[in-house]
């Protein structure tokens, strides 16, 4: 147990690609539940130009060491399925007290 009061998320681990009968490639995933994850919602944005209706939702999640999430994986947090946004930070250490909590993963979901 890492974050005692953390949330349970679903990690959709990328397992490959498969083409359908029309040649369209579909990503394949295997699902895994991870518990005790710290979740930080950090942005919900709507464009202000009025040109299109789009909502971008972003989260940061903090995982115990060895979670192994990659940029090809997807993650469901609070019912929202997101893509990994950029590179996974890897293990990090708090510069003030030396605590090594694990890794930070930024997530993004764009609707519309």
C-alpha atoms as a PDB file:
ATOM      1  CA  UNK A   1       0.000   0.000   0.000  1.00  0.00           C
ATOM      2  CA  UNK A   2       1.493   3.313  -1.043  1.00  0.00           C
ATOM      3  CA  UNK A   3      -0.923   6.230  -0.717  1.00  0.00           C
ATOM      4  CA  UNK A   4      -3.229   4.969   2.029  1.00  0.00           C
ATOM      5  CA  UNK A   5      -6.175   7.072   0.875  1.00  0.00           C
ATOM      6  CA  UNK A   6      -5.360   6.968  -2.849  1.00  0.00           C
ATOM      7  CA  UNK A   7      -7.734   5.992  -5.634  1.00  0.00           C
ATOM      8  CA  UNK A   8      -8.036   2.901  -7.810  1.00  0.00           C
ATOM      9  CA  UNK A   9      -7.311   3.444 -11.497  1.00  0.00           C
ATOM     10  CA  UNK A  10      -7.390   1.167 -14.533  1.00  0.00           C
ATOM     11  CA  UNK A  11      -4.228   0.955 -16.613  1.00  0.00           C
ATOM     12  CA  UNK A  12      -4.859  -0.143 -20.200  1.00  0.00           C
ATOM     13  CA  UNK A  13      -1.461  -1.569 -21.107  1.00  0.00           C
ATOM     14  CA  UNK A  14      -0.665  -1.417 -24.813  1.00  0.00           C
ATOM     15  CA  UNK A  15      -0.218  -4.963 -26.104  1.00  0.00           C
ATOM     16  CA  UNK A  16      -0.042  -4.453 -29.878  1.00  0.00           C
ATOM     17  CA  UNK A  17      -2.002  -3.504 -32.963  1.00  0.00           C
ATOM     18  CA  UNK A  18      -4.371  -5.388 -35.215  1.00  0.00           C
ATOM     19  CA  UNK A  19      -5.768  -4.448 -38.623  1.00  0.00           C
ATOM     20  CA  UNK A  20      -9.440  -5.071 -39.302  1.00  0.00           C
ATOM     21  CA  UNK A  21     -10.889  -6.284 -42.617  1.00  0.00           C
ATOM     22  CA  UNK A  22     -10.796  -2.743 -44.013  1.00  0.00           C
ATOM     23  CA  UNK A  23      -7.140  -2.164 -43.141  1.00  0.00           C
ATOM     24  CA  UNK A  24      -7.863   0.160 -40.228  1.00  0.00           C
ATOM     25  CA  UNK A  25      -5.386  -0.424 -37.412  1.00  0.00           C
ATOM     26  CA  UNK A  26      -6.768  -0.788 -33.890  1.00  0.00           C
ATOM     27  CA  UNK A  27      -4.673  -0.641 -30.726  1.00  0.00           C
ATOM     28  CA  UNK A  28      -4.986  -3.613 -28.374  1.00  0.00           C
ATOM     29  CA  UNK A  29      -4.811  -3.291 -24.591  1.00  0.00           C
ATOM     30  CA  UNK A  30      -4.882  -5.497 -21.510  1.00  0.00           C
ATOM     31  CA  UNK A  31      -6.451  -3.980 -18.398  1.00  0.00           C
ATOM     32  CA  UNK A  32      -4.950  -3.887 -14.919  1.00  0.00           C
ATOM     33  CA  UNK A  33      -6.276  -2.269 -11.730  1.00  0.00           C
ATOM     34  CA  UNK A  34      -3.851  -0.246  -9.594  1.00  0.00           C
ATOM     35  CA  UNK A  35      -4.901   0.867  -6.140  1.00  0.00           C
ATOM     36  CA  UNK A  36      -3.714   3.546  -3.736  1.00  0.00           C
ATOM     37  CA  UNK A  37      -2.783   5.998  -6.506  1.00  0.00           C
ATOM     38  CA  UNK A  38      -2.629   9.743  -5.823  1.00  0.00           C
ATOM     39  CA  UNK A  39      -4.697  11.650  -8.408  1.00  0.00           C
ATOM     40  CA  UNK A  40      -4.313  15.366  -9.091  1.00  0.00           C
ATOM     41  CA  UNK A  41      -6.754  16.966 -11.540  1.00  0.00           C
ATOM     42  CA  UNK A  42      -4.897  19.957 -12.888  1.00  0.00           C
ATOM     43  CA  UNK A  43      -6.755  21.344 -15.855  1.00  0.00           C
ATOM     44  CA  UNK A  44     -10.066  21.330 -17.627  1.00  0.00           C
ATOM     45  CA  UNK A  45     -10.022  23.701 -20.573  1.00  0.00           C
ATOM     46  CA  UNK A  46     -12.418  24.779 -23.281  1.00  0.00           C
ATOM     47  CA  UNK A  47     -11.281  26.781 -26.316  1.00  0.00           C
ATOM     48  CA  UNK A  48     -12.370  30.402 -26.231  1.00  0.00           C
ATOM     49  CA  UNK A  49     -12.304  31.055 -29.973  1.00  0.00           C
ATOM     50  CA  UNK A  50     -15.820  29.662 -30.521  1.00  0.00           C
ATOM     51  CA  UNK A  51     -14.631  27.715 -33.563  1.00  0.00           C
ATOM     52  CA  UNK A  52     -15.184  24.250 -32.153  1.00  0.00           C
ATOM     53  CA  UNK A  53     -16.537  22.562 -29.083  1.00  0.00           C
ATOM     54  CA  UNK A  54     -13.699  20.751 -27.355  1.00  0.00           C
ATOM     55  CA  UNK A  55     -12.913  19.995 -23.742  1.00  0.00           C
ATOM     56  CA  UNK A  56      -9.451  18.928 -22.607  1.00  0.00           C
ATOM     57  CA  UNK A  57      -9.162  17.205 -19.230  1.00  0.00           C
ATOM     58  CA  UNK A  58      -5.765  16.641 -17.622  1.00  0.00           C
ATOM     59  CA  UNK A  59      -4.632  14.684 -14.578  1.00  0.00           C
ATOM     60  CA  UNK A  60      -1.329  13.923 -12.904  1.00  0.00           C
ATOM     61  CA  UNK A  61      -1.116  10.575 -11.158  1.00  0.00           C
ATOM     62  CA  UNK A  62       1.530   9.544  -8.666  1.00  0.00           C
ATOM     63  CA  UNK A  63       2.387   5.856  -8.545  1.00  0.00           C
ATOM     64  CA  UNK A  64       4.460   3.648  -6.326  1.00  0.00           C
ATOM     65  CA  UNK A  65       7.837   2.537  -7.698  1.00  0.00           C
ATOM     66  CA  UNK A  66       7.732  -0.095 -10.420  1.00  0.00           C
ATOM     67  CA  UNK A  67       4.271   0.679 -11.848  1.00  0.00           C
ATOM     68  CA  UNK A  68       5.739   0.510 -15.358  1.00  0.00           C
ATOM     69  CA  UNK A  69       3.348   2.789 -17.258  1.00  0.00           C
ATOM     70  CA  UNK A  70       4.600   3.696 -20.750  1.00  0.00           C
ATOM     71  CA  UNK A  71       3.634   6.465 -23.207  1.00  0.00           C
ATOM     72  CA  UNK A  72       1.735   3.843 -25.275  1.00  0.00           C
ATOM     73  CA  UNK A  73      -0.594   2.931 -22.400  1.00  0.00           C
ATOM     74  CA  UNK A  74      -3.929   4.548 -21.562  1.00  0.00           C
ATOM     75  CA  UNK A  75      -5.365   5.100 -18.085  1.00  0.00           C
ATOM     76  CA  UNK A  76      -8.923   5.453 -16.765  1.00  0.00           C
ATOM     77  CA  UNK A  77      -9.160   7.891 -13.844  1.00  0.00           C
ATOM     78  CA  UNK A  78     -12.499   8.788 -12.242  1.00  0.00           C
ATOM     79  CA  UNK A  79     -14.331   7.284 -15.221  1.00  0.00           C
ATOM     80  CA  UNK A  80     -12.355   9.263 -17.824  1.00  0.00           C
ATOM     81  CA  UNK A  81     -10.148   7.279 -20.228  1.00  0.00           C
ATOM     82  CA  UNK A  82      -6.990   9.264 -20.942  1.00  0.00           C
ATOM     83  CA  UNK A  83      -3.827   8.962 -22.977  1.00  0.00           C
ATOM     84  CA  UNK A  84      -0.400   9.342 -21.403  1.00  0.00           C
ATOM     85  CA  UNK A  85       0.659  12.928 -22.157  1.00  0.00           C
ATOM     86  CA  UNK A  86       4.371  12.898 -22.995  1.00  0.00           C
ATOM     87  CA  UNK A  87       7.109  10.869 -21.395  1.00  0.00           C
ATOM     88  CA  UNK A  88       6.648   9.191 -18.029  1.00  0.00           C
ATOM     89  CA  UNK A  89       8.795  10.983 -15.438  1.00  0.00           C
ATOM     90  CA  UNK A  90      10.348   7.855 -14.047  1.00  0.00           C
ATOM     91  CA  UNK A  91      11.208   7.549 -10.395  1.00  0.00           C
ATOM     92  CA  UNK A  92      11.701  10.876  -8.621  1.00  0.00           C
ATOM     93  CA  UNK A  93      13.052  12.010  -5.271  1.00  0.00           C
ATOM     94  CA  UNK A  94      11.756  14.924  -3.189  1.00  0.00           C
ATOM     95  CA  UNK A  95      14.674  17.397  -3.018  1.00  0.00           C
ATOM     96  CA  UNK A  96      13.630  18.658   0.428  1.00  0.00           C
ATOM     97  CA  UNK A  97      13.483  15.426   2.388  1.00  0.00           C
ATOM     98  CA  UNK A  98      14.780  12.605   0.144  1.00  0.00           C
ATOM     99  CA  UNK A  99      11.430  10.819  -0.033  1.00  0.00           C
ATOM    100  CA  UNK A 100      11.269   8.647  -3.187  1.00  0.00           C
ATOM    101  CA  UNK A 101       7.549   8.162  -3.818  1.00  0.00           C
ATOM    102  CA  UNK A 102       7.673   6.666  -7.312  1.00  0.00           C
ATOM    103  CA  UNK A 103       6.731   8.216 -10.637  1.00  0.00           C
ATOM    104  CA  UNK A 104       4.487  10.976 -11.940  1.00  0.00           C
ATOM    105  CA  UNK A 105       2.441  10.369 -15.075  1.00  0.00           C
ATOM    106  CA  UNK A 106       0.559  13.161 -16.823  1.00  0.00           C
ATOM    107  CA  UNK A 107      -2.664  12.223 -18.588  1.00  0.00           C
ATOM    108  CA  UNK A 108      -4.820  13.993 -21.157  1.00  0.00           C
ATOM    109  CA  UNK A 109      -8.296  13.380 -22.569  1.00  0.00           C
ATOM    110  CA  UNK A 110      -9.678  15.486 -25.411  1.00  0.00           C
ATOM    111  CA  UNK A 111     -13.402  15.338 -26.171  1.00  0.00           C
ATOM    112  CA  UNK A 112     -15.073  17.008 -29.122  1.00  0.00           C
END
